[in-house]
Amino acid sequence: MTIAGKMSKDCRSALKGILALSRTYETLQNVFDGMGVYKTYIDEHLLVKGGEEILDVGCGTSSILALLPTNIHYTGIDISQTYLDKASHTYRNRGEWVQGCTSDLHKLVGFEEKFDVIMANGVLHHLDDSEMQALSSSIHKLLKDGGRFVTIDCCYTQKQGAISRLLTSLDRGKHVRRPEHYKRLIDGNLWEIKQSVRSDMSKTPYIYTVHECAKR
């Protein structure tokens, strides 16, 4: 039995519930080198440029803004008003925030605008298969020609170590997948996808899959 298997379901559920608090969420990000992961993600995959229109899907507390250029046009969307209140208070002069469901983005009022970059950071493993496909389709409608859709999520791999698997199992997301499963659901014949599976982004033993997507 793995270490993750030895931990009771009640214990894992309690830990996941604690993470719903915005302050706890940010503290755990720091403990697990979340900002270090973001920096690598931004520098090597996201590649945001000044002046671009950015949509952050499932933005949480928008902590990634601390590492992005100050002259971007940023919009964050999240279902949690608690997270949005924290984000707008911290970065009040750097963007705008909208509460809403992520799977039908193109139907939200004011989202007719085309974006240069749409990012979904730690979002896909919270969505079931149909929600993930709906999100991919919505983003395709909102992205400019030549724009980029970029994602990062935790994942399971065949040779993953016990500690890494345990940490991944503690995530609140109910739909952590293997990399090839993420890629298949994103695609839908809509995207050219570059997938990277990385175990070197964090100081902790954690595995991420990153997708850089361009319209077909």
N, C-alpha and C. Protein backbone atom coordinates (compact mmCIF):
# COMPACT_ATOMS: atom_id res chain seq x y z
N MET A 1 0.85 -1.21 0.00
CA MET A 1 0.00 0.00 0.00
C MET A 1 0.88 1.25 0.00
N THR A 2 0.52 2.26 -0.80
CA THR A 2 1.31 3.48 -0.87
C THR A 2 1.08 4.34 0.37
N ILE A 3 1.95 5.33 0.57
CA ILE A 3 1.77 6.27 1.68
C ILE A 3 0.44 6.98 1.57
N ALA A 4 0.10 7.38 0.31
CA ALA A 4 -1.19 8.05 0.10
C ALA A 4 -2.34 7.15 0.50
N GLY A 5 -2.22 5.84 0.23
CA GLY A 5 -3.28 4.92 0.56
C GLY A 5 -3.47 4.74 2.05
N LYS A 6 -2.39 4.91 2.84
CA LYS A 6 -2.47 4.73 4.28
C LYS A 6 -3.19 5.88 4.98
N MET A 7 -3.21 7.04 4.35
CA MET A 7 -3.87 8.18 4.96
C MET A 7 -5.38 8.03 4.81
N SER A 8 -6.14 8.23 5.85
CA SER A 8 -7.58 8.04 5.79
C SER A 8 -8.23 9.07 4.88
N LYS A 9 -9.39 8.68 4.33
CA LYS A 9 -10.13 9.61 3.48
C LYS A 9 -10.58 10.83 4.27
N ASP A 10 -10.97 10.63 5.53
CA ASP A 10 -11.41 11.75 6.36
C ASP A 10 -10.28 12.75 6.58
N CYS A 11 -9.08 12.24 6.79
CA CYS A 11 -7.91 13.12 6.99
C CYS A 11 -7.63 13.92 5.74
N ARG A 12 -7.64 13.24 4.57
CA ARG A 12 -7.39 13.94 3.31
C ARG A 12 -8.47 14.98 3.05
N SER A 13 -9.74 14.65 3.35
CA SER A 13 -10.84 15.59 3.13
C SER A 13 -10.70 16.82 4.02
N ALA A 14 -10.26 16.61 5.27
CA ALA A 14 -10.08 17.74 6.19
C ALA A 14 -8.99 18.67 5.69
N LEU A 15 -7.89 18.11 5.20
CA LEU A 15 -6.80 18.93 4.69
C LEU A 15 -7.23 19.71 3.46
N LYS A 16 -8.02 19.08 2.59
CA LYS A 16 -8.49 19.76 1.39
C LYS A 16 -9.43 20.91 1.77
N GLY A 17 -10.27 20.70 2.80
CA GLY A 17 -11.19 21.75 3.22
C GLY A 17 -10.46 22.97 3.75
N ILE A 18 -9.39 22.74 4.49
CA ILE A 18 -8.60 23.84 5.04
C ILE A 18 -8.05 24.72 3.91
N LEU A 19 -7.70 24.09 2.79
CA LEU A 19 -7.12 24.83 1.67
C LEU A 19 -8.12 25.76 0.99
N ALA A 20 -9.40 25.64 1.31
CA ALA A 20 -10.40 26.52 0.71
C ALA A 20 -10.28 27.95 1.23
N LEU A 21 -9.60 28.15 2.36
CA LEU A 21 -9.40 29.49 2.92
C LEU A 21 -8.29 30.19 2.16
N SER A 22 -8.54 31.45 1.76
CA SER A 22 -7.58 32.15 0.90
C SER A 22 -6.22 32.30 1.57
N ARG A 23 -6.19 32.62 2.85
CA ARG A 23 -4.90 32.80 3.53
C ARG A 23 -4.15 31.48 3.62
N THR A 24 -4.85 30.40 3.93
CA THR A 24 -4.21 29.08 4.00
C THR A 24 -3.71 28.67 2.63
N TYR A 25 -4.51 28.93 1.61
CA TYR A 25 -4.15 28.62 0.22
C TYR A 25 -2.82 29.28 -0.14
N GLU A 26 -2.67 30.57 0.18
CA GLU A 26 -1.44 31.29 -0.15
C GLU A 26 -0.26 30.79 0.69
N THR A 27 -0.50 30.49 1.96
CA THR A 27 0.56 29.98 2.81
C THR A 27 1.10 28.65 2.29
N LEU A 28 0.19 27.76 1.90
CA LEU A 28 0.62 26.46 1.38
C LEU A 28 1.36 26.61 0.07
N GLN A 29 0.96 27.60 -0.75
CA GLN A 29 1.70 27.87 -1.98
C GLN A 29 3.16 28.23 -1.66
N ASN A 30 3.34 29.04 -0.64
CA ASN A 30 4.70 29.44 -0.27
C ASN A 30 5.49 28.26 0.30
N VAL A 31 4.85 27.45 1.13
CA VAL A 31 5.52 26.29 1.71
C VAL A 31 6.00 25.34 0.62
N PHE A 32 5.16 25.14 -0.40
CA PHE A 32 5.51 24.21 -1.47
C PHE A 32 6.14 24.92 -2.67
N ASP A 33 6.73 26.10 -2.41
CA ASP A 33 7.50 26.81 -3.44
C ASP A 33 6.63 27.19 -4.64
N GLY A 34 5.36 27.57 -4.36
CA GLY A 34 4.45 27.91 -5.45
C GLY A 34 4.95 29.05 -6.31
N MET A 35 5.56 30.07 -5.69
CA MET A 35 6.03 31.20 -6.48
C MET A 35 7.25 30.83 -7.30
N GLY A 36 8.07 29.92 -6.79
CA GLY A 36 9.19 29.43 -7.59
C GLY A 36 8.71 28.67 -8.80
N VAL A 37 7.66 27.88 -8.62
CA VAL A 37 7.05 27.17 -9.75
C VAL A 37 6.51 28.16 -10.76
N TYR A 38 5.81 29.19 -10.27
CA TYR A 38 5.26 30.21 -11.16
C TYR A 38 6.36 30.90 -11.96
N LYS A 39 7.48 31.20 -11.31
CA LYS A 39 8.55 31.91 -12.02
C LYS A 39 9.08 31.06 -13.18
N THR A 40 9.32 29.78 -12.93
CA THR A 40 9.77 28.90 -14.01
C THR A 40 8.71 28.79 -15.10
N TYR A 41 7.49 28.65 -14.69
CA TYR A 41 6.35 28.56 -15.62
C TYR A 41 6.26 29.80 -16.50
N ILE A 42 6.39 30.97 -15.90
CA ILE A 42 6.32 32.23 -16.64
C ILE A 42 7.50 32.37 -17.60
N ASP A 43 8.70 32.11 -17.10
CA ASP A 43 9.91 32.33 -17.89
C ASP A 43 10.06 31.34 -19.04
N GLU A 44 9.60 30.11 -18.86
CA GLU A 44 9.87 29.07 -19.84
C GLU A 44 8.65 28.62 -20.65
N HIS A 45 7.45 28.96 -20.18
CA HIS A 45 6.25 28.48 -20.87
C HIS A 45 5.23 29.59 -21.18
N LEU A 46 4.94 30.42 -20.20
CA LEU A 46 3.88 31.42 -20.39
C LEU A 46 4.31 32.55 -21.30
N LEU A 47 5.51 33.09 -21.07
CA LEU A 47 6.13 34.07 -21.97
C LEU A 47 5.24 35.27 -22.25
N VAL A 48 4.65 35.83 -21.19
CA VAL A 48 3.79 37.01 -21.32
C VAL A 48 4.62 38.23 -21.65
N LYS A 49 4.09 39.07 -22.56
CA LYS A 49 4.77 40.30 -22.95
C LYS A 49 3.95 41.51 -22.49
N GLY A 50 4.64 42.62 -22.27
CA GLY A 50 3.97 43.85 -21.90
C GLY A 50 2.97 44.27 -22.96
N GLY A 51 1.84 44.81 -22.51
CA GLY A 51 0.82 45.28 -23.42
C GLY A 51 -0.19 44.23 -23.85
N GLU A 52 0.05 42.97 -23.50
CA GLU A 52 -0.86 41.91 -23.93
C GLU A 52 -2.12 41.87 -23.07
N GLU A 53 -3.20 41.38 -23.68
CA GLU A 53 -4.46 41.14 -22.98
C GLU A 53 -4.42 39.73 -22.42
N ILE A 54 -4.51 39.63 -21.08
CA ILE A 54 -4.35 38.36 -20.40
C ILE A 54 -5.65 37.98 -19.68
N LEU A 55 -6.09 36.75 -19.86
CA LEU A 55 -7.21 36.22 -19.10
C LEU A 55 -6.69 35.08 -18.23
N ASP A 56 -6.92 35.18 -16.92
CA ASP A 56 -6.48 34.18 -15.96
C ASP A 56 -7.71 33.42 -15.48
N VAL A 57 -7.89 32.21 -15.99
CA VAL A 57 -9.07 31.39 -15.70
C VAL A 57 -8.84 30.63 -14.40
N GLY A 58 -9.77 30.77 -13.44
CA GLY A 58 -9.56 30.16 -12.13
C GLY A 58 -8.42 30.84 -11.42
N CYS A 59 -8.46 32.16 -11.37
CA CYS A 59 -7.31 32.97 -10.95
C CYS A 59 -6.97 32.84 -9.48
N GLY A 60 -7.90 32.34 -8.65
CA GLY A 60 -7.63 32.27 -7.21
C GLY A 60 -7.39 33.67 -6.66
N THR A 61 -6.30 33.84 -5.92
CA THR A 61 -5.96 35.15 -5.36
C THR A 61 -5.04 35.96 -6.27
N SER A 62 -4.87 35.50 -7.52
CA SER A 62 -4.07 36.21 -8.53
C SER A 62 -2.62 36.43 -8.12
N SER A 63 -2.07 35.52 -7.32
CA SER A 63 -0.70 35.70 -6.84
C SER A 63 0.32 35.72 -7.98
N ILE A 64 -0.02 35.13 -9.12
CA ILE A 64 0.91 35.14 -10.25
C ILE A 64 1.17 36.55 -10.75
N LEU A 65 0.25 37.49 -10.47
CA LEU A 65 0.43 38.87 -10.92
C LEU A 65 1.70 39.50 -10.37
N ALA A 66 2.15 39.06 -9.22
CA ALA A 66 3.37 39.62 -8.61
C ALA A 66 4.58 39.40 -9.50
N LEU A 67 4.51 38.42 -10.42
CA LEU A 67 5.66 38.08 -11.26
C LEU A 67 5.45 38.45 -12.73
N LEU A 68 4.29 38.98 -13.07
CA LEU A 68 4.00 39.34 -14.46
C LEU A 68 4.33 40.81 -14.73
N PRO A 69 4.56 41.18 -16.00
CA PRO A 69 4.83 42.59 -16.32
C PRO A 69 3.72 43.50 -15.81
N THR A 70 4.08 44.70 -15.40
CA THR A 70 3.10 45.61 -14.82
C THR A 70 2.21 46.26 -15.88
N ASN A 71 2.60 46.20 -17.14
CA ASN A 71 1.83 46.90 -18.18
C ASN A 71 0.97 45.96 -19.02
N ILE A 72 0.62 44.80 -18.47
CA ILE A 72 -0.33 43.94 -19.17
C ILE A 72 -1.75 44.38 -18.83
N HIS A 73 -2.72 43.91 -19.60
CA HIS A 73 -4.14 44.15 -19.32
C HIS A 73 -4.71 42.84 -18.80
N TYR A 74 -4.93 42.78 -17.48
CA TYR A 74 -5.21 41.52 -16.80
C TYR A 74 -6.68 41.43 -16.39
N THR A 75 -7.28 40.28 -16.69
CA THR A 75 -8.61 39.96 -16.19
C THR A 75 -8.55 38.60 -15.51
N GLY A 76 -9.04 38.54 -14.28
CA GLY A 76 -9.09 37.27 -13.55
C GLY A 76 -10.53 36.84 -13.36
N ILE A 77 -10.77 35.55 -13.50
CA ILE A 77 -12.11 35.01 -13.26
C ILE A 77 -12.00 33.81 -12.34
N ASP A 78 -12.90 33.73 -11.36
CA ASP A 78 -12.90 32.61 -10.43
C ASP A 78 -14.30 32.46 -9.86
N ILE A 79 -14.63 31.25 -9.44
CA ILE A 79 -15.94 31.01 -8.86
C ILE A 79 -16.01 31.45 -7.41
N SER A 80 -14.86 31.60 -6.75
CA SER A 80 -14.80 31.94 -5.33
C SER A 80 -14.71 33.44 -5.12
N GLN A 81 -15.74 34.03 -4.52
CA GLN A 81 -15.71 35.45 -4.23
C GLN A 81 -14.67 35.78 -3.16
N THR A 82 -14.41 34.84 -2.26
CA THR A 82 -13.39 35.04 -1.24
C THR A 82 -12.02 35.27 -1.88
N TYR A 83 -11.67 34.43 -2.84
CA TYR A 83 -10.41 34.59 -3.54
C TYR A 83 -10.37 35.90 -4.32
N LEU A 84 -11.48 36.23 -5.00
CA LEU A 84 -11.52 37.45 -5.80
C LEU A 84 -11.39 38.70 -4.94
N ASP A 85 -12.01 38.69 -3.77
CA ASP A 85 -11.90 39.84 -2.85
C ASP A 85 -10.45 40.04 -2.44
N LYS A 86 -9.76 38.94 -2.14
CA LYS A 86 -8.34 39.02 -1.76
C LYS A 86 -7.51 39.54 -2.93
N ALA A 87 -7.78 39.03 -4.14
CA ALA A 87 -7.01 39.44 -5.32
C ALA A 87 -7.21 40.92 -5.62
N SER A 88 -8.46 41.37 -5.62
CA SER A 88 -8.73 42.77 -5.97
C SER A 88 -8.19 43.73 -4.91
N HIS A 89 -8.16 43.28 -3.66
CA HIS A 89 -7.58 44.12 -2.60
C HIS A 89 -6.07 44.24 -2.75
N THR A 90 -5.42 43.12 -3.07
CA THR A 90 -3.96 43.12 -3.17
C THR A 90 -3.47 43.82 -4.43
N TYR A 91 -4.17 43.63 -5.55
CA TYR A 91 -3.71 44.13 -6.85
C TYR A 91 -4.72 45.08 -7.47
N ARG A 92 -5.33 45.92 -6.66
CA ARG A 92 -6.49 46.71 -7.08
C ARG A 92 -6.25 47.58 -8.32
N ASN A 93 -5.02 48.00 -8.55
CA ASN A 93 -4.74 48.88 -9.69
C ASN A 93 -4.18 48.14 -10.90
N ARG A 94 -4.19 46.81 -10.86
CA ARG A 94 -3.51 46.08 -11.91
C ARG A 94 -4.41 45.18 -12.76
N GLY A 95 -5.71 45.24 -12.55
CA GLY A 95 -6.58 44.40 -13.35
C GLY A 95 -8.02 44.53 -12.95
N GLU A 96 -8.83 43.60 -13.47
CA GLU A 96 -10.22 43.52 -13.08
C GLU A 96 -10.57 42.06 -12.85
N TRP A 97 -11.61 41.84 -12.01
CA TRP A 97 -11.94 40.49 -11.59
C TRP A 97 -13.43 40.23 -11.76
N VAL A 98 -13.75 39.03 -12.19
CA VAL A 98 -15.12 38.65 -12.49
C VAL A 98 -15.42 37.32 -11.82
N GLN A 99 -16.56 37.23 -11.15
CA GLN A 99 -16.97 35.95 -10.59
C GLN A 99 -17.79 35.20 -11.63
N GLY A 100 -17.47 33.95 -11.84
CA GLY A 100 -18.24 33.17 -12.81
C GLY A 100 -17.70 31.77 -12.97
N CYS A 101 -18.49 30.96 -13.66
CA CYS A 101 -18.11 29.58 -13.96
C CYS A 101 -17.13 29.57 -15.12
N THR A 102 -16.12 28.72 -15.03
CA THR A 102 -15.08 28.74 -16.04
C THR A 102 -15.44 28.03 -17.33
N SER A 103 -16.40 27.10 -17.29
CA SER A 103 -16.62 26.25 -18.46
C SER A 103 -17.38 26.94 -19.59
N ASP A 104 -18.08 28.05 -19.30
CA ASP A 104 -18.82 28.77 -20.33
C ASP A 104 -18.35 30.22 -20.41
N LEU A 105 -17.05 30.42 -20.51
CA LEU A 105 -16.48 31.77 -20.48
C LEU A 105 -17.05 32.68 -21.56
N HIS A 106 -17.19 32.13 -22.77
CA HIS A 106 -17.60 32.98 -23.89
C HIS A 106 -19.03 33.49 -23.75
N LYS A 107 -19.79 32.96 -22.79
CA LYS A 107 -21.17 33.40 -22.59
C LYS A 107 -21.27 34.51 -21.56
N LEU A 108 -20.18 34.81 -20.85
CA LEU A 108 -20.22 35.84 -19.82
C LEU A 108 -20.24 37.23 -20.44
N VAL A 109 -21.02 38.11 -19.83
CA VAL A 109 -21.11 39.49 -20.32
C VAL A 109 -19.75 40.16 -20.25
N GLY A 110 -19.35 40.80 -21.32
CA GLY A 110 -18.07 41.50 -21.36
C GLY A 110 -16.91 40.65 -21.81
N PHE A 111 -17.16 39.38 -22.13
CA PHE A 111 -16.08 38.50 -22.54
C PHE A 111 -16.05 38.27 -24.05
N GLU A 112 -16.56 39.25 -24.79
CA GLU A 112 -16.47 39.16 -26.24
C GLU A 112 -15.07 39.48 -26.74
N GLU A 113 -14.30 40.15 -25.90
CA GLU A 113 -12.96 40.59 -26.29
C GLU A 113 -12.04 39.40 -26.53
N LYS A 114 -11.19 39.53 -27.51
CA LYS A 114 -10.20 38.48 -27.78
C LYS A 114 -8.94 38.73 -26.97
N PHE A 115 -8.36 37.67 -26.45
CA PHE A 115 -7.19 37.77 -25.58
C PHE A 115 -5.94 37.25 -26.28
N ASP A 116 -4.79 37.81 -25.88
CA ASP A 116 -3.50 37.34 -26.41
C ASP A 116 -3.06 36.06 -25.71
N VAL A 117 -3.26 36.02 -24.40
CA VAL A 117 -2.89 34.85 -23.62
C VAL A 117 -4.04 34.52 -22.67
N ILE A 118 -4.44 33.26 -22.68
CA ILE A 118 -5.39 32.76 -21.69
C ILE A 118 -4.69 31.65 -20.93
N MET A 119 -4.63 31.81 -19.62
CA MET A 119 -3.95 30.79 -18.81
C MET A 119 -4.93 30.17 -17.83
N ALA A 120 -4.73 28.88 -17.60
CA ALA A 120 -5.50 28.14 -16.61
C ALA A 120 -4.50 27.43 -15.73
N ASN A 121 -4.21 28.03 -14.59
CA ASN A 121 -3.14 27.55 -13.71
C ASN A 121 -3.73 26.73 -12.57
N GLY A 122 -3.50 25.43 -12.60
CA GLY A 122 -4.04 24.56 -11.57
C GLY A 122 -5.55 24.45 -11.61
N VAL A 123 -6.12 24.46 -12.81
CA VAL A 123 -7.57 24.46 -12.99
C VAL A 123 -8.10 23.13 -13.52
N LEU A 124 -7.42 22.56 -14.49
CA LEU A 124 -7.98 21.43 -15.22
C LEU A 124 -8.24 20.22 -14.32
N HIS A 125 -7.44 20.04 -13.29
CA HIS A 125 -7.65 18.87 -12.42
C HIS A 125 -8.82 19.07 -11.45
N HIS A 126 -9.48 20.22 -11.52
CA HIS A 126 -10.72 20.44 -10.77
C HIS A 126 -11.96 20.19 -11.63
N LEU A 127 -11.77 19.96 -12.93
CA LEU A 127 -12.89 19.81 -13.85
C LEU A 127 -13.04 18.36 -14.29
N ASP A 128 -14.30 17.92 -14.44
CA ASP A 128 -14.50 16.59 -15.00
C ASP A 128 -14.31 16.66 -16.51
N ASP A 129 -14.40 15.53 -17.18
CA ASP A 129 -14.05 15.48 -18.60
C ASP A 129 -14.90 16.43 -19.44
N SER A 130 -16.21 16.45 -19.21
CA SER A 130 -17.09 17.30 -20.02
C SER A 130 -16.85 18.78 -19.73
N GLU A 131 -16.59 19.13 -18.48
CA GLU A 131 -16.30 20.52 -18.13
C GLU A 131 -14.99 20.97 -18.76
N MET A 132 -14.02 20.08 -18.77
CA MET A 132 -12.72 20.42 -19.35
C MET A 132 -12.84 20.65 -20.86
N GLN A 133 -13.61 19.82 -21.53
CA GLN A 133 -13.81 20.00 -22.97
C GLN A 133 -14.57 21.29 -23.26
N ALA A 134 -15.56 21.61 -22.41
CA ALA A 134 -16.31 22.86 -22.58
C ALA A 134 -15.40 24.07 -22.39
N LEU A 135 -14.50 24.00 -21.40
CA LEU A 135 -13.56 25.09 -21.17
C LEU A 135 -12.66 25.28 -22.37
N SER A 136 -12.13 24.20 -22.91
CA SER A 136 -11.25 24.28 -24.08
C SER A 136 -11.96 24.94 -25.25
N SER A 137 -13.21 24.59 -25.46
CA SER A 137 -13.99 25.16 -26.56
C SER A 137 -14.25 26.65 -26.34
N SER A 138 -14.58 27.03 -25.09
CA SER A 138 -14.82 28.44 -24.78
C SER A 138 -13.57 29.28 -24.99
N ILE A 139 -12.44 28.76 -24.54
CA ILE A 139 -11.18 29.50 -24.67
C ILE A 139 -10.82 29.67 -26.14
N HIS A 140 -11.09 28.66 -26.94
CA HIS A 140 -10.82 28.74 -28.38
C HIS A 140 -11.57 29.92 -29.00
N LYS A 141 -12.77 30.19 -28.52
CA LYS A 141 -13.59 31.28 -29.05
C LYS A 141 -13.08 32.65 -28.61
N LEU A 142 -12.39 32.71 -27.47
CA LEU A 142 -11.96 33.98 -26.89
C LEU A 142 -10.52 34.37 -27.24
N LEU A 143 -9.77 33.45 -27.80
CA LEU A 143 -8.35 33.69 -28.05
C LEU A 143 -8.14 34.32 -29.42
N LYS A 144 -7.29 35.33 -29.48
CA LYS A 144 -6.92 35.93 -30.75
C LYS A 144 -6.20 34.93 -31.64
N ASP A 145 -6.29 35.12 -32.94
CA ASP A 145 -5.45 34.33 -33.84
C ASP A 145 -3.99 34.61 -33.50
N GLY A 146 -3.22 33.57 -33.34
CA GLY A 146 -1.82 33.74 -32.94
C GLY A 146 -1.64 33.83 -31.44
N GLY A 147 -2.74 33.78 -30.69
CA GLY A 147 -2.66 33.83 -29.24
C GLY A 147 -2.28 32.48 -28.65
N ARG A 148 -2.15 32.43 -27.33
CA ARG A 148 -1.69 31.23 -26.65
C ARG A 148 -2.62 30.87 -25.50
N PHE A 149 -2.93 29.58 -25.39
CA PHE A 149 -3.64 29.02 -24.25
C PHE A 149 -2.65 28.14 -23.51
N VAL A 150 -2.37 28.46 -22.24
CA VAL A 150 -1.33 27.77 -21.49
C VAL A 150 -1.89 27.27 -20.17
N THR A 151 -1.57 26.03 -19.83
CA THR A 151 -2.07 25.45 -18.59
C THR A 151 -0.93 24.79 -17.81
N ILE A 152 -1.14 24.67 -16.50
CA ILE A 152 -0.24 23.89 -15.65
C ILE A 152 -1.09 23.19 -14.59
N ASP A 153 -0.83 21.91 -14.41
CA ASP A 153 -1.57 21.11 -13.42
C ASP A 153 -0.67 20.03 -12.85
N CYS A 154 -1.00 19.58 -11.65
CA CYS A 154 -0.35 18.40 -11.11
C CYS A 154 -0.84 17.17 -11.88
N CYS A 155 -0.05 16.12 -11.83
CA CYS A 155 -0.42 14.92 -12.57
C CYS A 155 0.16 13.69 -11.89
N TYR A 156 -0.36 12.56 -12.30
CA TYR A 156 0.20 11.27 -11.89
C TYR A 156 1.00 10.69 -13.04
N THR A 157 2.10 10.04 -12.72
CA THR A 157 2.88 9.34 -13.74
C THR A 157 3.17 7.93 -13.27
N GLN A 158 3.54 7.08 -14.19
CA GLN A 158 3.72 5.67 -13.90
C GLN A 158 4.81 5.41 -12.87
N LYS A 159 5.91 6.16 -12.96
CA LYS A 159 7.05 5.92 -12.07
C LYS A 159 7.15 6.95 -10.95
N GLN A 160 6.06 7.57 -10.62
CA GLN A 160 6.03 8.61 -9.59
C GLN A 160 6.36 8.03 -8.22
N GLY A 161 7.18 8.76 -7.45
CA GLY A 161 7.55 8.32 -6.12
C GLY A 161 6.41 8.42 -5.13
N ALA A 162 6.55 7.73 -3.99
CA ALA A 162 5.49 7.67 -3.00
C ALA A 162 5.16 9.04 -2.40
N ILE A 163 6.19 9.84 -2.08
CA ILE A 163 5.96 11.16 -1.49
C ILE A 163 5.27 12.07 -2.50
N SER A 164 5.73 12.05 -3.73
CA SER A 164 5.11 12.86 -4.78
C SER A 164 3.64 12.47 -4.97
N ARG A 165 3.36 11.18 -4.97
CA ARG A 165 1.98 10.72 -5.13
C ARG A 165 1.12 11.15 -3.95
N LEU A 166 1.68 11.10 -2.74
CA LEU A 166 0.95 11.54 -1.55
C LEU A 166 0.60 13.01 -1.65
N LEU A 167 1.57 13.86 -1.98
CA LEU A 167 1.32 15.29 -2.08
C LEU A 167 0.26 15.59 -3.14
N THR A 168 0.32 14.88 -4.24
CA THR A 168 -0.67 15.07 -5.30
C THR A 168 -2.05 14.64 -4.82
N SER A 169 -2.11 13.57 -4.05
CA SER A 169 -3.41 13.08 -3.56
C SER A 169 -4.07 14.05 -2.60
N LEU A 170 -3.29 14.95 -1.98
CA LEU A 170 -3.84 15.91 -1.03
C LEU A 170 -4.46 17.12 -1.73
N ASP A 171 -4.23 17.24 -3.01
CA ASP A 171 -4.81 18.36 -3.74
C ASP A 171 -6.33 18.27 -3.70
N ARG A 172 -7.00 19.44 -3.65
CA ARG A 172 -8.46 19.45 -3.60
C ARG A 172 -9.10 18.98 -4.90
N GLY A 173 -8.36 19.02 -6.00
CA GLY A 173 -8.91 18.62 -7.28
C GLY A 173 -9.27 17.14 -7.30
N LYS A 174 -10.44 16.83 -7.83
CA LYS A 174 -10.93 15.45 -7.87
C LYS A 174 -10.60 14.75 -9.19
N HIS A 175 -9.94 15.47 -10.09
CA HIS A 175 -9.74 14.91 -11.42
C HIS A 175 -8.28 15.03 -11.87
N VAL A 176 -7.36 14.71 -10.96
CA VAL A 176 -5.95 14.67 -11.34
C VAL A 176 -5.76 13.50 -12.30
N ARG A 177 -5.11 13.77 -13.44
CA ARG A 177 -5.01 12.78 -14.51
C ARG A 177 -3.55 12.50 -14.86
N ARG A 178 -3.37 11.52 -15.69
CA ARG A 178 -2.08 11.30 -16.31
C ARG A 178 -1.92 12.30 -17.44
N PRO A 179 -0.69 12.67 -17.81
CA PRO A 179 -0.49 13.71 -18.83
C PRO A 179 -1.22 13.44 -20.14
N GLU A 180 -1.19 12.22 -20.63
CA GLU A 180 -1.82 11.93 -21.91
C GLU A 180 -3.34 12.12 -21.87
N HIS A 181 -3.93 11.93 -20.69
CA HIS A 181 -5.37 12.13 -20.55
C HIS A 181 -5.71 13.62 -20.63
N TYR A 182 -4.93 14.46 -19.93
CA TYR A 182 -5.12 15.91 -20.05
C TYR A 182 -5.06 16.34 -21.52
N LYS A 183 -4.02 15.89 -22.20
CA LYS A 183 -3.80 16.33 -23.58
C LYS A 183 -4.95 15.93 -24.49
N ARG A 184 -5.44 14.72 -24.31
CA ARG A 184 -6.54 14.25 -25.16
C ARG A 184 -7.78 15.10 -24.95
N LEU A 185 -8.08 15.48 -23.72
CA LEU A 185 -9.28 16.25 -23.44
C LEU A 185 -9.16 17.71 -23.87
N ILE A 186 -7.97 18.27 -23.80
CA ILE A 186 -7.77 19.64 -24.27
C ILE A 186 -7.95 19.72 -25.77
N ASP A 187 -7.48 18.73 -26.49
CA ASP A 187 -7.32 18.82 -27.94
C ASP A 187 -8.64 19.01 -28.68
N GLY A 188 -9.45 17.97 -28.79
CA GLY A 188 -10.71 18.10 -29.50
C GLY A 188 -10.55 18.63 -30.91
N ASN A 189 -9.41 18.38 -31.53
CA ASN A 189 -9.11 18.87 -32.88
C ASN A 189 -9.06 20.40 -32.97
N LEU A 190 -8.94 21.06 -31.83
CA LEU A 190 -8.92 22.53 -31.81
C LEU A 190 -7.51 23.11 -31.75
N TRP A 191 -6.56 22.35 -31.21
CA TRP A 191 -5.28 22.93 -30.84
C TRP A 191 -4.09 22.13 -31.35
N GLU A 192 -3.01 22.87 -31.58
CA GLU A 192 -1.68 22.27 -31.68
C GLU A 192 -1.08 22.39 -30.28
N ILE A 193 -0.70 21.27 -29.68
CA ILE A 193 -0.32 21.26 -28.27
C ILE A 193 1.12 20.81 -28.08
N LYS A 194 1.86 21.61 -27.32
CA LYS A 194 3.17 21.19 -26.84
C LYS A 194 3.03 20.85 -25.36
N GLN A 195 3.26 19.60 -25.01
CA GLN A 195 3.11 19.16 -23.63
C GLN A 195 4.49 18.92 -23.00
N SER A 196 4.65 19.42 -21.78
CA SER A 196 5.88 19.19 -21.02
C SER A 196 5.50 18.58 -19.67
N VAL A 197 6.14 17.48 -19.30
CA VAL A 197 5.94 16.86 -18.00
C VAL A 197 7.20 17.12 -17.19
N ARG A 198 7.05 17.83 -16.06
CA ARG A 198 8.22 18.31 -15.35
C ARG A 198 8.19 17.96 -13.87
N SER A 199 9.32 17.47 -13.41
CA SER A 199 9.49 17.19 -11.98
C SER A 199 10.55 18.09 -11.37
N ASP A 200 10.98 19.11 -12.13
CA ASP A 200 12.08 19.98 -11.71
C ASP A 200 11.64 21.42 -11.43
N MET A 201 10.35 21.65 -11.30
CA MET A 201 9.88 23.02 -11.13
C MET A 201 9.78 23.43 -9.66
N SER A 202 9.73 22.46 -8.77
CA SER A 202 9.53 22.74 -7.35
C SER A 202 10.64 22.10 -6.52
N LYS A 203 10.88 22.66 -5.36
CA LYS A 203 11.85 22.07 -4.43
C LYS A 203 11.27 20.81 -3.78
N THR A 204 9.96 20.69 -3.81
CA THR A 204 9.30 19.50 -3.28
C THR A 204 9.13 18.48 -4.40
N PRO A 205 8.98 17.20 -4.08
CA PRO A 205 8.81 16.18 -5.12
C PRO A 205 7.40 16.21 -5.71
N TYR A 206 7.23 17.04 -6.70
CA TYR A 206 5.91 17.28 -7.27
C TYR A 206 6.04 17.28 -8.78
N ILE A 207 5.08 16.68 -9.48
CA ILE A 207 5.16 16.58 -10.93
C ILE A 207 4.05 17.41 -11.55
N TYR A 208 4.41 18.21 -12.54
CA TYR A 208 3.47 19.07 -13.26
C TYR A 208 3.44 18.70 -14.74
N THR A 209 2.29 18.90 -15.34
CA THR A 209 2.20 18.84 -16.79
C THR A 209 1.79 20.21 -17.30
N VAL A 210 2.53 20.72 -18.28
CA VAL A 210 2.28 22.05 -18.85
C VAL A 210 1.87 21.88 -20.31
N HIS A 211 0.85 22.62 -20.73
CA HIS A 211 0.39 22.59 -22.11
C HIS A 211 0.46 23.99 -22.70
N GLU A 212 1.15 24.12 -23.82
CA GLU A 212 1.19 25.37 -24.59
C GLU A 212 0.42 25.11 -25.87
N CYS A 213 -0.71 25.79 -26.02
CA CYS A 213 -1.67 25.47 -27.08
C CYS A 213 -1.84 26.65 -28.04
N ALA A 214 -1.84 26.33 -29.33
CA ALA A 214 -2.11 27.31 -30.38
C ALA A 214 -3.26 26.79 -31.24
N LYS A 215 -4.08 27.71 -31.74
CA LYS A 215 -5.22 27.31 -32.56
C LYS A 215 -4.76 26.56 -33.81
N ARG A 216 -5.49 25.53 -34.18
CA ARG A 216 -5.21 24.86 -35.45
C ARG A 216 -5.68 25.75 -36.60
